[in-house]
Amino acid sequence: MDWRVWTYLGFGTALVVTFLWIIIHYYRPQRKKNVETPKYRMLEDDE
């Protein structure tokens, strides 16, 4: 195998791992709570 094949394979693997990390990080239950709380707080009436 040529060094270009290993480079493309490594780059492709890095992209897949990065994409999966972003998906897992975004859809964690702890993150959802932190994202949803300010949204509902903004809709509450000020007294």
Protein backbone atom coordinates (compact mmCIF):
# COMPACT_ATOMS: atom_id res chain seq x y z
CA MET A 1 0.00 0.00 0.00
CA ASP A 2 1.16 3.46 -0.85
CA TRP A 3 1.54 6.24 1.74
CA ARG A 4 -1.36 8.11 0.06
CA VAL A 5 -3.72 5.24 0.81
CA TRP A 6 -2.74 5.32 4.49
CA THR A 7 -3.14 9.10 4.56
CA TYR A 8 -6.64 8.95 3.06
CA LEU A 9 -7.58 6.07 5.35
CA GLY A 10 -6.35 7.95 8.42
CA PHE A 11 -8.07 11.17 7.38
CA GLY A 12 -11.34 9.36 6.68
CA THR A 13 -11.19 7.57 10.01
CA ALA A 14 -10.51 10.87 11.80
CA LEU A 15 -13.54 12.45 10.11
CA VAL A 16 -15.82 9.57 11.10
CA VAL A 17 -14.60 9.62 14.71
CA THR A 18 -15.04 13.41 14.90
CA PHE A 19 -18.55 13.19 13.44
CA LEU A 20 -19.55 10.46 15.90
CA TRP A 21 -18.13 12.47 18.83
CA ILE A 22 -20.17 15.53 17.78
CA ILE A 23 -23.35 13.45 17.53
CA ILE A 24 -22.79 11.77 20.91
CA HIS A 25 -21.89 15.08 22.58
CA TYR A 26 -24.94 16.88 21.20
CA TYR A 27 -27.52 14.23 22.07
CA ARG A 28 -26.38 13.48 25.65
CA PRO A 29 -29.25 13.77 28.18
CA GLN A 30 -27.25 16.16 30.41
CA ARG A 31 -26.73 18.54 27.50
CA LYS A 32 -30.42 18.49 26.57
CA LYS A 33 -31.31 19.70 30.04
CA ASN A 34 -28.80 22.56 29.79
CA VAL A 35 -30.08 23.58 26.34
CA GLU A 36 -33.81 23.36 27.08
CA THR A 37 -33.82 25.26 30.40
CA PRO A 38 -32.95 28.73 29.00
CA LYS A 39 -35.48 28.27 26.19
CA TYR A 40 -38.35 27.85 28.61
CA ARG A 41 -37.02 30.52 30.97
CA MET A 42 -37.13 33.03 28.08
CA LEU A 43 -40.86 32.29 27.57
CA GLU A 44 -41.80 32.93 31.21
CA ASP A 45 -43.42 36.24 32.12
CA ASP A 46 -41.40 38.70 34.13
CA GLU A 47 -43.02 39.83 37.33
